[in-house]
Amino acid sequence: MRLMPFPRPGRQGVAPHPPRTRLAGPEPERLFDEELLARLRRLVLLSRHSIAEGLAGEHRSRRRGSSPEFADFKSYSQGDDYRRIDWNTYARFGGLFVRLSEVTTEFDIHILLDASESMNWTMSPLLPTKFTYARRTAGALGYVSLWHFDRLAIAPFGAVLAPRFGPVQGRANAIPMLRYLEGLAPYGATDLPTVLETYLRSRRRPGLLVLISDLLSGEPEQIGAQLRKQRAEGWQTIVVHIVDPAELDPAALEGGARIGATELIDVELGDRLRLTPTAAVAERYRTALQGWLSEIEEVCEREEAEYLRLETGWPFESIVLRLLHERGVVA
């Protein structure tokens, strides 16, 4: 586990256990308002591949059937449903033609949500934690999926997979899904490569996998090995990398004020490292960080996984939704 770039005083690692839903105390954090949900209802989650084989969704398929969406004509042949004969075409051309329609397909959407303690961090109380931002991202994609009748499952994870939400289908499950995300709390350490392998091994058919994480577990090549295996088995993967501004630029911490002797704390394992962040140390950090980010991007590109990096300082309703649209995740 990598050390967090900057400390949170008093944070300690905790033993792994499933994420909990708040049953008492303050109300669960509100992730969405009705204005944002209305915008989400106008979006559609996209896939580069024809993944699913179901017939209940709203995504167009290359197959032809008897749904209301007209696609083409074909000559009538024995065994065709005579109720689909187009009599206007018969009157014009004197031949029998059957109307063909689009068969819509459903996607199997699997959202793996990093719920480890490293996600429960922010450089400023004015910004959401990475965990809050990740839950908003998961909720937005999940809401779009359910609104268009895709089959959705959300699986939080730390060092192990936690009990998941779903799989469910249909708009009636949208609000329970959002309430489920609002009630989640972070827990324990992370073992991303093992979690990916465990989750995919238990799935019967491939689908669209959305991994939402700060990726502070496993080296890029380990993650790449899992992405390679997923691609070979027919999965399409979207990697959503959640980062705090202070992780990208140490100067963002404390508004750029000079920091003295500092203790970095691994919030998952409790490991500590004392240092004085001089200009040379900060430059070495930036160099190492850029190398790590480049490795992750290269691995995702090589394994044909869509990679999106989201900063918690970005306004979710404008920048993030626009970025998802520009990158072809939603339309």
C-alpha atoms as a PDB file:
ATOM      1  CA  MET A   1       0.000   0.000   0.000  1.00  0.00           C
ATOM      2  CA  ARG A   2       1.386   3.414  -0.936  1.00  0.00           C
ATOM      3  CA  LEU A   3       1.612   6.072   1.714  1.00  0.00           C
ATOM      4  CA  MET A   4      -0.881   8.885   1.373  1.00  0.00           C
ATOM      5  CA  PRO A   5       0.854  12.023   0.079  1.00  0.00           C
ATOM      6  CA  PHE A   6      -0.022  14.054   3.168  1.00  0.00           C
ATOM      7  CA  PRO A   7      -1.138  13.197   6.683  1.00  0.00           C
ATOM      8  CA  ARG A   8      -4.416  13.193   8.473  1.00  0.00           C
ATOM      9  CA  PRO A   9      -3.559  13.543  12.155  1.00  0.00           C
ATOM     10  CA  GLY A  10      -4.805  10.755  14.317  1.00  0.00           C
ATOM     11  CA  ARG A  11      -5.821   8.392  11.482  1.00  0.00           C
ATOM     12  CA  GLN A  12      -4.982   4.740  12.055  1.00  0.00           C
ATOM     13  CA  GLY A  13      -5.400   1.631   9.908  1.00  0.00           C
ATOM     14  CA  VAL A  14      -8.324  -0.647  10.781  1.00  0.00           C
ATOM     15  CA  ALA A  15      -8.870  -4.344  10.300  1.00  0.00           C
ATOM     16  CA  PRO A  16     -10.784  -5.275   7.163  1.00  0.00           C
ATOM     17  CA  HIS A  17     -14.505  -5.948   7.555  1.00  0.00           C
ATOM     18  CA  PRO A  18     -17.497  -5.311   5.288  1.00  0.00           C
ATOM     19  CA  PRO A  19     -18.585  -1.681   4.858  1.00  0.00           C
ATOM     20  CA  ARG A  20     -21.354  -0.713   7.161  1.00  0.00           C
ATOM     21  CA  THR A  21     -24.527   1.260   6.696  1.00  0.00           C
ATOM     22  CA  ARG A  22     -25.103   4.005   9.224  1.00  0.00           C
ATOM     23  CA  LEU A  23     -27.918   2.990  11.530  1.00  0.00           C
ATOM     24  CA  ALA A  24     -27.664   5.789  14.079  1.00  0.00           C
ATOM     25  CA  GLY A  25     -26.200   9.228  14.511  1.00  0.00           C
ATOM     26  CA  PRO A  26     -26.121  11.832  11.733  1.00  0.00           C
ATOM     27  CA  GLU A  27     -28.251  11.393   8.645  1.00  0.00           C
ATOM     28  CA  PRO A  28     -26.524   9.691   5.688  1.00  0.00           C
ATOM     29  CA  GLU A  29     -24.692  12.054   3.374  1.00  0.00           C
ATOM     30  CA  ARG A  30     -26.914  13.415   0.595  1.00  0.00           C
ATOM     31  CA  LEU A  31     -25.225  12.655  -2.720  1.00  0.00           C
ATOM     32  CA  PHE A  32     -27.788  13.860  -5.269  1.00  0.00           C
ATOM     33  CA  ASP A  33     -30.532  16.408  -5.690  1.00  0.00           C
ATOM     34  CA  GLU A  34     -33.522  16.263  -8.026  1.00  0.00           C
ATOM     35  CA  GLU A  35     -31.975  18.722 -10.499  1.00  0.00           C
ATOM     36  CA  LEU A  36     -28.999  16.426 -11.065  1.00  0.00           C
ATOM     37  CA  LEU A  37     -31.206  13.340 -11.292  1.00  0.00           C
ATOM     38  CA  ALA A  38     -33.263  15.054 -13.996  1.00  0.00           C
ATOM     39  CA  ARG A  39     -30.068  15.606 -16.001  1.00  0.00           C
ATOM     40  CA  LEU A  40     -29.061  11.972 -15.522  1.00  0.00           C
ATOM     41  CA  ARG A  41     -32.395  10.759 -16.871  1.00  0.00           C
ATOM     42  CA  ARG A  42     -31.485  12.261 -20.244  1.00  0.00           C
ATOM     43  CA  LEU A  43     -28.252  10.263 -20.514  1.00  0.00           C
ATOM     44  CA  VAL A  44     -27.582   6.758 -21.812  1.00  0.00           C
ATOM     45  CA  LEU A  45     -24.667   4.555 -20.755  1.00  0.00           C
ATOM     46  CA  LEU A  46     -22.678   3.422 -23.806  1.00  0.00           C
ATOM     47  CA  SER A  47     -20.647   0.325 -24.597  1.00  0.00           C
ATOM     48  CA  ARG A  48     -18.169  -0.211 -27.400  1.00  0.00           C
ATOM     49  CA  HIS A  49     -19.190  -3.831 -27.716  1.00  0.00           C
ATOM     50  CA  SER A  50     -22.448  -5.741 -28.034  1.00  0.00           C
ATOM     51  CA  ILE A  51     -22.056  -7.384 -24.661  1.00  0.00           C
ATOM     52  CA  ALA A  52     -25.427  -8.477 -23.390  1.00  0.00           C
ATOM     53  CA  GLU A  53     -27.886 -10.923 -24.854  1.00  0.00           C
ATOM     54  CA  GLY A  54     -31.039  -9.887 -23.006  1.00  0.00           C
ATOM     55  CA  LEU A  55     -34.035  -8.224 -24.633  1.00  0.00           C
ATOM     56  CA  ALA A  56     -35.356  -5.860 -21.995  1.00  0.00           C
ATOM     57  CA  GLY A  57     -32.979  -2.915 -22.213  1.00  0.00           C
ATOM     58  CA  GLU A  58     -33.006   0.231 -24.326  1.00  0.00           C
ATOM     59  CA  HIS A  59     -29.701  -0.151 -26.199  1.00  0.00           C
ATOM     60  CA  ARG A  60     -29.850  -0.844 -29.916  1.00  0.00           C
ATOM     61  CA  SER A  61     -28.662  -4.189 -31.200  1.00  0.00           C
ATOM     62  CA  ARG A  62     -27.645  -5.380 -34.638  1.00  0.00           C
ATOM     63  CA  ARG A  63     -30.249  -8.107 -34.331  1.00  0.00           C
ATOM     64  CA  ARG A  64     -33.746  -7.618 -35.740  1.00  0.00           C
ATOM     65  CA  GLY A  65     -37.005  -8.480 -34.076  1.00  0.00           C
ATOM     66  CA  SER A  66     -40.493  -7.233 -33.308  1.00  0.00           C
ATOM     67  CA  SER A  67     -39.927  -4.284 -30.995  1.00  0.00           C
ATOM     68  CA  PRO A  68     -41.686  -0.956 -31.834  1.00  0.00           C
ATOM     69  CA  GLU A  69     -38.523   0.676 -33.267  1.00  0.00           C
ATOM     70  CA  PHE A  70     -38.645   0.271 -37.080  1.00  0.00           C
ATOM     71  CA  ALA A  71     -35.365  -0.828 -38.693  1.00  0.00           C
ATOM     72  CA  ASP A  72     -35.932  -2.274 -42.201  1.00  0.00           C
ATOM     73  CA  PHE A  73     -38.082  -4.385 -44.550  1.00  0.00           C
ATOM     74  CA  LYS A  74     -37.568  -7.964 -45.724  1.00  0.00           C
ATOM     75  CA  SER A  75     -39.485 -10.116 -48.192  1.00  0.00           C
ATOM     76  CA  TYR A  76     -42.199 -12.225 -46.616  1.00  0.00           C
ATOM     77  CA  SER A  77     -41.391 -15.918 -46.273  1.00  0.00           C
ATOM     78  CA  GLN A  78     -43.289 -18.832 -44.808  1.00  0.00           C
ATOM     79  CA  GLY A  79     -43.280 -18.759 -41.052  1.00  0.00           C
ATOM     80  CA  ASP A  80     -43.085 -14.968 -40.724  1.00  0.00           C
ATOM     81  CA  ASP A  81     -45.709 -13.273 -38.566  1.00  0.00           C
ATOM     82  CA  TYR A  82     -48.380 -12.113 -41.046  1.00  0.00           C
ATOM     83  CA  ARG A  83     -49.346  -9.334 -38.633  1.00  0.00           C
ATOM     84  CA  ARG A  84     -46.074  -7.598 -39.530  1.00  0.00           C
ATOM     85  CA  ILE A  85     -46.825  -7.485 -43.265  1.00  0.00           C
ATOM     86  CA  ASP A  86     -46.695  -3.880 -44.468  1.00  0.00           C
ATOM     87  CA  TRP A  87     -49.803  -3.457 -46.625  1.00  0.00           C
ATOM     88  CA  ASN A  88     -48.819   0.023 -47.810  1.00  0.00           C
ATOM     89  CA  THR A  89     -45.687  -1.468 -49.360  1.00  0.00           C
ATOM     90  CA  TYR A  90     -47.807  -4.252 -50.925  1.00  0.00           C
ATOM     91  CA  ALA A  91     -50.081  -1.633 -52.510  1.00  0.00           C
ATOM     92  CA  ARG A  92     -47.099   0.195 -54.016  1.00  0.00           C
ATOM     93  CA  PHE A  93     -44.948  -2.720 -55.176  1.00  0.00           C
ATOM     94  CA  GLY A  94     -47.313  -5.691 -55.373  1.00  0.00           C
ATOM     95  CA  GLY A  95     -45.134  -7.847 -53.130  1.00  0.00           C
ATOM     96  CA  LEU A  96     -45.312  -8.934 -49.523  1.00  0.00           C
ATOM     97  CA  PHE A  97     -42.790  -7.340 -47.193  1.00  0.00           C
ATOM     98  CA  VAL A  98     -42.423  -7.688 -43.428  1.00  0.00           C
ATOM     99  CA  ARG A  99     -41.460  -4.790 -41.197  1.00  0.00           C
ATOM    100  CA  LEU A 100     -38.334  -5.448 -39.132  1.00  0.00           C
ATOM    101  CA  SER A 101     -37.588  -3.587 -35.922  1.00  0.00           C
ATOM    102  CA  GLU A 102     -34.650  -3.028 -33.626  1.00  0.00           C
ATOM    103  CA  VAL A 103     -34.233  -5.585 -30.864  1.00  0.00           C
ATOM    104  CA  THR A 104     -33.042  -3.620 -27.858  1.00  0.00           C
ATOM    105  CA  THR A 105     -30.517  -5.154 -25.515  1.00  0.00           C
ATOM    106  CA  GLU A 106     -29.723  -4.783 -21.868  1.00  0.00           C
ATOM    107  CA  PHE A 107     -26.222  -4.378 -20.482  1.00  0.00           C
ATOM    108  CA  ASP A 108     -24.889  -6.114 -17.420  1.00  0.00           C
ATOM    109  CA  ILE A 109     -23.326  -3.204 -15.523  1.00  0.00           C
ATOM    110  CA  HIS A 110     -20.915  -4.066 -12.696  1.00  0.00           C
ATOM    111  CA  ILE A 111     -19.614  -1.180 -10.577  1.00  0.00           C
ATOM    112  CA  LEU A 112     -16.706  -2.012  -8.279  1.00  0.00           C
ATOM    113  CA  LEU A 113     -16.483   0.764  -5.684  1.00  0.00           C
ATOM    114  CA  ASP A 114     -13.328   1.253  -3.612  1.00  0.00           C
ATOM    115  CA  ALA A 115     -14.521   1.615  -0.015  1.00  0.00           C
ATOM    116  CA  SER A 116     -11.105   1.463   1.679  1.00  0.00           C
ATOM    117  CA  GLU A 117      -9.870   3.960   4.252  1.00  0.00           C
ATOM    118  CA  SER A 118      -7.544   5.672   1.765  1.00  0.00           C
ATOM    119  CA  MET A 119     -10.673   6.914  -0.022  1.00  0.00           C
ATOM    120  CA  ASN A 120     -11.874   8.647   3.155  1.00  0.00           C
ATOM    121  CA  TRP A 121      -9.517  11.601   2.740  1.00  0.00           C
ATOM    122  CA  THR A 122      -9.623  15.195   1.560  1.00  0.00           C
ATOM    123  CA  MET A 123      -7.081  17.994   1.641  1.00  0.00           C
ATOM    124  CA  SER A 124      -9.729  20.510   2.700  1.00  0.00           C
ATOM    125  CA  PRO A 125     -13.082  20.442   4.524  1.00  0.00           C
ATOM    126  CA  LEU A 126     -14.383  22.515   1.604  1.00  0.00           C
ATOM    127  CA  LEU A 127     -13.898  19.569  -0.764  1.00  0.00           C
ATOM    128  CA  PRO A 128     -15.600  16.171  -0.654  1.00  0.00           C
ATOM    129  CA  THR A 129     -13.587  13.123   0.296  1.00  0.00           C
ATOM    130  CA  LYS A 130     -12.550  10.769  -2.462  1.00  0.00           C
ATOM    131  CA  PHE A 131     -15.100   8.292  -1.118  1.00  0.00           C
ATOM    132  CA  THR A 132     -17.932  10.803  -1.426  1.00  0.00           C
ATOM    133  CA  TYR A 133     -16.855  11.697  -4.956  1.00  0.00           C
ATOM    134  CA  ALA A 134     -16.574   8.017  -5.881  1.00  0.00           C
ATOM    135  CA  ARG A 135     -20.065   7.298  -4.543  1.00  0.00           C
ATOM    136  CA  ARG A 136     -21.479  10.189  -6.552  1.00  0.00           C
ATOM    137  CA  THR A 137     -19.821   8.803  -9.677  1.00  0.00           C
ATOM    138  CA  ALA A 138     -21.141   5.303  -8.959  1.00  0.00           C
ATOM    139  CA  GLY A 139     -24.597   6.697  -8.255  1.00  0.00           C
ATOM    140  CA  ALA A 140     -24.685   8.692 -11.495  1.00  0.00           C
ATOM    141  CA  LEU A 141     -23.680   5.726 -13.649  1.00  0.00           C
ATOM    142  CA  GLY A 142     -25.953   3.390 -11.709  1.00  0.00           C
ATOM    143  CA  TYR A 143     -28.917   5.751 -12.046  1.00  0.00           C
ATOM    144  CA  VAL A 144     -28.434   6.051 -15.805  1.00  0.00           C
ATOM    145  CA  SER A 145     -28.184   2.261 -16.069  1.00  0.00           C
ATOM    146  CA  LEU A 146     -31.359   1.557 -14.121  1.00  0.00           C
ATOM    147  CA  TRP A 147     -33.285   4.290 -15.904  1.00  0.00           C
ATOM    148  CA  HIS A 148     -32.629   2.476 -19.185  1.00  0.00           C
ATOM    149  CA  PHE A 149     -33.385  -0.981 -17.769  1.00  0.00           C
ATOM    150  CA  ASP A 150     -29.851  -2.331 -17.672  1.00  0.00           C
ATOM    151  CA  ARG A 151     -29.032  -4.937 -15.049  1.00  0.00           C
ATOM    152  CA  LEU A 152     -26.900  -3.319 -12.332  1.00  0.00           C
ATOM    153  CA  ALA A 153     -24.728  -4.615  -9.504  1.00  0.00           C
ATOM    154  CA  ILE A 154     -22.608  -2.438  -7.181  1.00  0.00           C
ATOM    155  CA  ALA A 155     -19.880  -4.136  -5.146  1.00  0.00           C
ATOM    156  CA  PRO A 156     -17.928  -2.141  -2.537  1.00  0.00           C
ATOM    157  CA  PHE A 157     -14.526  -3.548  -1.676  1.00  0.00           C
ATOM    158  CA  GLY A 158     -11.545  -3.144   0.579  1.00  0.00           C
ATOM    159  CA  ALA A 159      -9.175  -6.040   1.057  1.00  0.00           C
ATOM    160  CA  VAL A 160     -12.161  -8.283   0.285  1.00  0.00           C
ATOM    161  CA  LEU A 161     -15.450  -7.887  -1.520  1.00  0.00           C
ATOM    162  CA  ALA A 162     -18.372  -6.745   0.595  1.00  0.00           C
ATOM    163  CA  PRO A 163     -22.023  -7.783   0.143  1.00  0.00           C
ATOM    164  CA  ARG A 164     -23.156  -6.079  -3.038  1.00  0.00           C
ATOM    165  CA  PHE A 165     -26.253  -4.186  -4.114  1.00  0.00           C
ATOM    166  CA  GLY A 166     -28.060  -6.102  -6.829  1.00  0.00           C
ATOM    167  CA  PRO A 167     -28.114  -7.344  -9.420  1.00  0.00           C
ATOM    168  CA  VAL A 168     -31.306  -5.387  -9.995  1.00  0.00           C
ATOM    169  CA  GLN A 169     -33.111  -3.979 -13.003  1.00  0.00           C
ATOM    170  CA  GLY A 170     -35.677  -1.264 -13.580  1.00  0.00           C
ATOM    171  CA  ARG A 171     -36.363   2.313 -12.533  1.00  0.00           C
ATOM    172  CA  ALA A 172     -38.030   1.303  -9.271  1.00  0.00           C
ATOM    173  CA  ASN A 173     -34.584   0.333  -7.956  1.00  0.00           C
ATOM    174  CA  ALA A 174     -32.962   3.724  -8.622  1.00  0.00           C
ATOM    175  CA  ILE A 175     -33.843   5.350  -5.286  1.00  0.00           C
ATOM    176  CA  PRO A 176     -32.950   2.258  -3.193  1.00  0.00           C
ATOM    177  CA  MET A 177     -29.593   2.217  -5.024  1.00  0.00           C
ATOM    178  CA  LEU A 178     -28.897   5.855  -4.135  1.00  0.00           C
ATOM    179  CA  ARG A 179     -29.894   5.273  -0.508  1.00  0.00           C
ATOM    180  CA  TYR A 180     -27.581   2.266  -0.392  1.00  0.00           C
ATOM    181  CA  LEU A 181     -24.643   4.396  -1.572  1.00  0.00           C
ATOM    182  CA  GLU A 182     -25.491   7.208   0.840  1.00  0.00           C
ATOM    183  CA  GLY A 183     -25.405   4.758   3.742  1.00  0.00           C
ATOM    184  CA  LEU A 184     -22.017   3.202   2.947  1.00  0.00           C
ATOM    185  CA  ALA A 185     -19.026   3.927   5.169  1.00  0.00           C
ATOM    186  CA  PRO A 186     -15.352   3.242   4.329  1.00  0.00           C
ATOM    187  CA  TYR A 187     -13.437   0.415   5.949  1.00  0.00           C
ATOM    188  CA  GLY A 188     -10.043  -1.286   6.058  1.00  0.00           C
ATOM    189  CA  ALA A 189      -7.237  -1.794   3.592  1.00  0.00           C
ATOM    190  CA  THR A 190      -7.262  -2.534  -0.151  1.00  0.00           C
ATOM    191  CA  ASP A 191      -6.176  -5.439  -2.337  1.00  0.00           C
ATOM    192  CA  LEU A 192      -7.309  -4.361  -5.788  1.00  0.00           C
ATOM    193  CA  PRO A 193      -5.758  -7.113  -7.971  1.00  0.00           C
ATOM    194  CA  THR A 194      -7.185  -9.883  -5.766  1.00  0.00           C
ATOM    195  CA  VAL A 195     -10.608  -8.228  -5.614  1.00  0.00           C
ATOM    196  CA  LEU A 196     -10.768  -7.951  -9.418  1.00  0.00           C
ATOM    197  CA  GLU A 197      -9.816 -11.585  -9.865  1.00  0.00           C
ATOM    198  CA  THR A 198     -12.306 -12.784  -7.239  1.00  0.00           C
ATOM    199  CA  TYR A 199     -15.188 -10.773  -8.628  1.00  0.00           C
ATOM    200  CA  LEU A 200     -14.725 -11.810 -12.240  1.00  0.00           C
ATOM    201  CA  ARG A 201     -14.229 -15.463 -11.354  1.00  0.00           C
ATOM    202  CA  SER A 202     -17.743 -15.576  -9.899  1.00  0.00           C
ATOM    203  CA  ARG A 203     -19.470 -13.987 -12.932  1.00  0.00           C
ATOM    204  CA  ARG A 204     -21.074 -16.259 -15.494  1.00  0.00           C
ATOM    205  CA  ARG A 205     -21.002 -13.902 -18.462  1.00  0.00           C
ATOM    206  CA  PRO A 206     -19.008 -10.788 -19.334  1.00  0.00           C
ATOM    207  CA  GLY A 207     -20.428  -7.306 -19.087  1.00  0.00           C
ATOM    208  CA  LEU A 208     -19.416  -3.696 -18.588  1.00  0.00           C
ATOM    209  CA  LEU A 209     -17.166  -3.310 -15.536  1.00  0.00           C
ATOM    210  CA  VAL A 210     -16.693   0.152 -14.021  1.00  0.00           C
ATOM    211  CA  LEU A 211     -13.846   0.287 -11.500  1.00  0.00           C
ATOM    212  CA  ILE A 212     -13.977   3.406  -9.286  1.00  0.00           C
ATOM    213  CA  SER A 213     -10.907   3.746  -7.069  1.00  0.00           C
ATOM    214  CA  ASP A 214      -7.904   5.862  -6.100  1.00  0.00           C
ATOM    215  CA  LEU A 215      -5.811   2.883  -7.337  1.00  0.00           C
ATOM    216  CA  LEU A 216      -3.565   3.025  -4.262  1.00  0.00           C
ATOM    217  CA  SER A 217      -3.246  -0.756  -4.223  1.00  0.00           C
ATOM    218  CA  GLY A 218      -1.164  -2.927  -6.495  1.00  0.00           C
ATOM    219  CA  GLU A 219       1.365  -1.812  -9.079  1.00  0.00           C
ATOM    220  CA  PRO A 220       0.196  -0.771 -12.563  1.00  0.00           C
ATOM    221  CA  GLU A 221       1.475  -4.019 -14.092  1.00  0.00           C
ATOM    222  CA  GLN A 222      -0.533  -6.075 -11.580  1.00  0.00           C
ATOM    223  CA  ILE A 223      -3.668  -4.133 -12.458  1.00  0.00           C
ATOM    224  CA  GLY A 224      -2.780  -4.503 -16.141  1.00  0.00           C
ATOM    225  CA  ALA A 225      -2.582  -8.289 -15.800  1.00  0.00           C
ATOM    226  CA  GLN A 226      -6.146  -8.349 -14.497  1.00  0.00           C
ATOM    227  CA  LEU A 227      -7.357  -5.989 -17.242  1.00  0.00           C
ATOM    228  CA  ARG A 228      -5.722  -8.286 -19.813  1.00  0.00           C
ATOM    229  CA  LYS A 229      -7.566 -11.282 -18.396  1.00  0.00           C
ATOM    230  CA  GLN A 230     -10.856  -9.357 -18.402  1.00  0.00           C
ATOM    231  CA  ARG A 231     -10.397  -8.322 -22.035  1.00  0.00           C
ATOM    232  CA  ALA A 232      -9.661 -11.912 -23.057  1.00  0.00           C
ATOM    233  CA  GLU A 233     -12.893 -13.038 -21.404  1.00  0.00           C
ATOM    234  CA  GLY A 234     -14.957 -10.427 -23.262  1.00  0.00           C
ATOM    235  CA  TRP A 235     -15.314  -7.746 -20.592  1.00  0.00           C
ATOM    236  CA  GLN A 236     -15.323  -4.049 -21.356  1.00  0.00           C
ATOM    237  CA  THR A 237     -13.692  -2.055 -18.556  1.00  0.00           C
ATOM    238  CA  ILE A 238     -13.866   1.595 -17.552  1.00  0.00           C
ATOM    239  CA  VAL A 239     -11.322   2.695 -14.932  1.00  0.00           C
ATOM    240  CA  VAL A 240     -12.403   5.825 -13.047  1.00  0.00           C
ATOM    241  CA  HIS A 241      -9.428   7.147 -11.076  1.00  0.00           C
ATOM    242  CA  ILE A 242     -10.437   9.417  -8.175  1.00  0.00           C
ATOM    243  CA  VAL A 243      -7.721  11.796  -6.955  1.00  0.00           C
ATOM    244  CA  ASP A 244      -7.504  14.666  -4.498  1.00  0.00           C
ATOM    245  CA  PRO A 245      -5.826  17.890  -5.757  1.00  0.00           C
ATOM    246  CA  ALA A 246      -3.188  17.625  -3.020  1.00  0.00           C
ATOM    247  CA  GLU A 247      -2.155  14.213  -4.337  1.00  0.00           C
ATOM    248  CA  LEU A 248      -1.373  15.755  -7.714  1.00  0.00           C
ATOM    249  CA  ASP A 249       0.263  18.939  -6.451  1.00  0.00           C
ATOM    250  CA  PRO A 250       1.649  19.201  -2.897  1.00  0.00           C
ATOM    251  CA  ALA A 251       1.452  22.990  -3.156  1.00  0.00           C
ATOM    252  CA  ALA A 252      -2.349  22.681  -3.020  1.00  0.00           C
ATOM    253  CA  LEU A 253      -2.155  21.541   0.590  1.00  0.00           C
ATOM    254  CA  GLU A 254      -2.828  24.323   3.088  1.00  0.00           C
ATOM    255  CA  GLY A 255      -3.245  26.801   0.234  1.00  0.00           C
ATOM    256  CA  GLY A 256       0.397  26.518  -0.775  1.00  0.00           C
ATOM    257  CA  ALA A 257       1.747  27.516   2.641  1.00  0.00           C
ATOM    258  CA  ARG A 258       5.206  26.249   3.525  1.00  0.00           C
ATOM    259  CA  ILE A 259       5.029  23.002   5.482  1.00  0.00           C
ATOM    260  CA  GLY A 260       7.584  22.040   8.111  1.00  0.00           C
ATOM    261  CA  ALA A 261       8.522  18.580   9.369  1.00  0.00           C
ATOM    262  CA  THR A 262       5.664  16.288   8.435  1.00  0.00           C
ATOM    263  CA  GLU A 263       4.572  12.777   9.273  1.00  0.00           C
ATOM    264  CA  LEU A 264       2.879  10.844   6.476  1.00  0.00           C
ATOM    265  CA  ILE A 265       0.432   8.203   7.681  1.00  0.00           C
ATOM    266  CA  ASP A 266      -0.864   5.242   5.735  1.00  0.00           C
ATOM    267  CA  VAL A 267      -4.510   5.508   6.798  1.00  0.00           C
ATOM    268  CA  GLU A 268      -5.148   1.843   5.990  1.00  0.00           C
ATOM    269  CA  LEU A 269      -2.158   0.124   7.639  1.00  0.00           C
ATOM    270  CA  GLY A 270      -0.952   2.766  10.074  1.00  0.00           C
ATOM    271  CA  ASP A 271       2.612   2.925   8.661  1.00  0.00           C
ATOM    272  CA  ARG A 272       4.344   6.256   9.227  1.00  0.00           C
ATOM    273  CA  LEU A 273       7.087   8.223   7.489  1.00  0.00           C
ATOM    274  CA  ARG A 274       8.607  11.462   8.795  1.00  0.00           C
ATOM    275  CA  LEU A 275      10.118  13.942   6.365  1.00  0.00           C
ATOM    276  CA  THR A 276      10.612  17.624   5.703  1.00  0.00           C
ATOM    277  CA  PRO A 277       9.006  18.476   2.357  1.00  0.00           C
ATOM    278  CA  THR A 278      11.714  20.663   0.832  1.00  0.00           C
ATOM    279  CA  ALA A 279      11.527  21.850  -2.765  1.00  0.00           C
ATOM    280  CA  ALA A 280      13.761  18.939  -3.813  1.00  0.00           C
ATOM    281  CA  VAL A 281      11.544  16.407  -2.043  1.00  0.00           C
ATOM    282  CA  ALA A 282       8.411  17.910  -3.604  1.00  0.00           C
ATOM    283  CA  GLU A 283       9.997  17.744  -7.070  1.00  0.00           C
ATOM    284  CA  ARG A 284      10.966  14.101  -6.586  1.00  0.00           C
ATOM    285  CA  TYR A 285       7.406  13.399  -5.501  1.00  0.00           C
ATOM    286  CA  ARG A 286       5.948  15.062  -8.606  1.00  0.00           C
ATOM    287  CA  THR A 287       8.321  13.128 -10.860  1.00  0.00           C
ATOM    288  CA  ALA A 288       7.434   9.807  -9.235  1.00  0.00           C
ATOM    289  CA  LEU A 289       3.729  10.657  -9.342  1.00  0.00           C
ATOM    290  CA  GLN A 290       3.779  11.543 -13.037  1.00  0.00           C
ATOM    291  CA  GLY A 291       5.614   8.314 -13.800  1.00  0.00           C
ATOM    292  CA  TRP A 292       3.008   6.322 -11.875  1.00  0.00           C
ATOM    293  CA  LEU A 293       0.085   8.073 -13.589  1.00  0.00           C
ATOM    294  CA  SER A 294       1.663   7.535 -17.003  1.00  0.00           C
ATOM    295  CA  GLU A 295       2.096   3.827 -16.265  1.00  0.00           C
ATOM    296  CA  ILE A 296      -1.564   3.509 -15.315  1.00  0.00           C
ATOM    297  CA  GLU A 297      -2.715   5.296 -18.472  1.00  0.00           C
ATOM    298  CA  GLU A 298      -0.416   3.191 -20.663  1.00  0.00           C
ATOM    299  CA  VAL A 299      -1.659  -0.044 -19.070  1.00  0.00           C
ATOM    300  CA  CYS A 300      -5.303   0.928 -19.602  1.00  0.00           C
ATOM    301  CA  GLU A 301      -4.659   1.939 -23.203  1.00  0.00           C
ATOM    302  CA  ARG A 302      -2.792  -1.289 -23.926  1.00  0.00           C
ATOM    303  CA  GLU A 303      -5.588  -3.408 -22.477  1.00  0.00           C
ATOM    304  CA  GLU A 304      -8.320  -1.358 -24.205  1.00  0.00           C
ATOM    305  CA  ALA A 305      -9.802  -0.086 -20.934  1.00  0.00           C
ATOM    306  CA  GLU A 306     -11.244   3.428 -20.900  1.00  0.00           C
ATOM    307  CA  TYR A 307      -9.361   5.558 -18.346  1.00  0.00           C
ATOM    308  CA  LEU A 308     -10.809   8.668 -16.710  1.00  0.00           C
ATOM    309  CA  ARG A 309      -9.135  10.677 -13.970  1.00  0.00           C
ATOM    310  CA  LEU A 310     -11.499  12.754 -11.835  1.00  0.00           C
ATOM    311  CA  GLU A 311     -10.346  15.358  -9.302  1.00  0.00           C
ATOM    312  CA  THR A 312     -12.491  15.916  -6.233  1.00  0.00           C
ATOM    313  CA  GLY A 313     -12.174  19.674  -6.738  1.00  0.00           C
ATOM    314  CA  TRP A 314     -14.082  19.533 -10.035  1.00  0.00           C
ATOM    315  CA  PRO A 315     -17.787  20.510  -9.975  1.00  0.00           C
ATOM    316  CA  PHE A 316     -19.559  17.207 -10.479  1.00  0.00           C
ATOM    317  CA  GLU A 317     -22.625  18.522 -12.288  1.00  0.00           C
ATOM    318  CA  SER A 318     -20.673  20.315 -15.015  1.00  0.00           C
ATOM    319  CA  ILE A 319     -17.129  19.090 -15.571  1.00  0.00           C
ATOM    320  CA  VAL A 320     -17.595  15.414 -14.676  1.00  0.00           C
ATOM    321  CA  LEU A 321     -20.783  14.860 -16.675  1.00  0.00           C
ATOM    322  CA  ARG A 322     -19.242  16.681 -19.647  1.00  0.00           C
ATOM    323  CA  LEU A 323     -16.092  14.568 -19.385  1.00  0.00           C
ATOM    324  CA  LEU A 324     -18.121  11.337 -19.269  1.00  0.00           C
ATOM    325  CA  HIS A 325     -19.905  12.490 -22.404  1.00  0.00           C
ATOM    326  CA  GLU A 326     -16.739  13.508 -24.229  1.00  0.00           C
ATOM    327  CA  ARG A 327     -15.054  10.191 -23.452  1.00  0.00           C
ATOM    328  CA  GLY A 328     -17.985   8.208 -24.800  1.00  0.00           C
ATOM    329  CA  VAL A 329     -19.110   6.739 -21.480  1.00  0.00           C
ATOM    330  CA  VAL A 330     -22.564   8.343 -21.672  1.00  0.00           C
ATOM    331  CA  ALA A 331     -24.514   9.996 -24.466  1.00  0.00           C
END
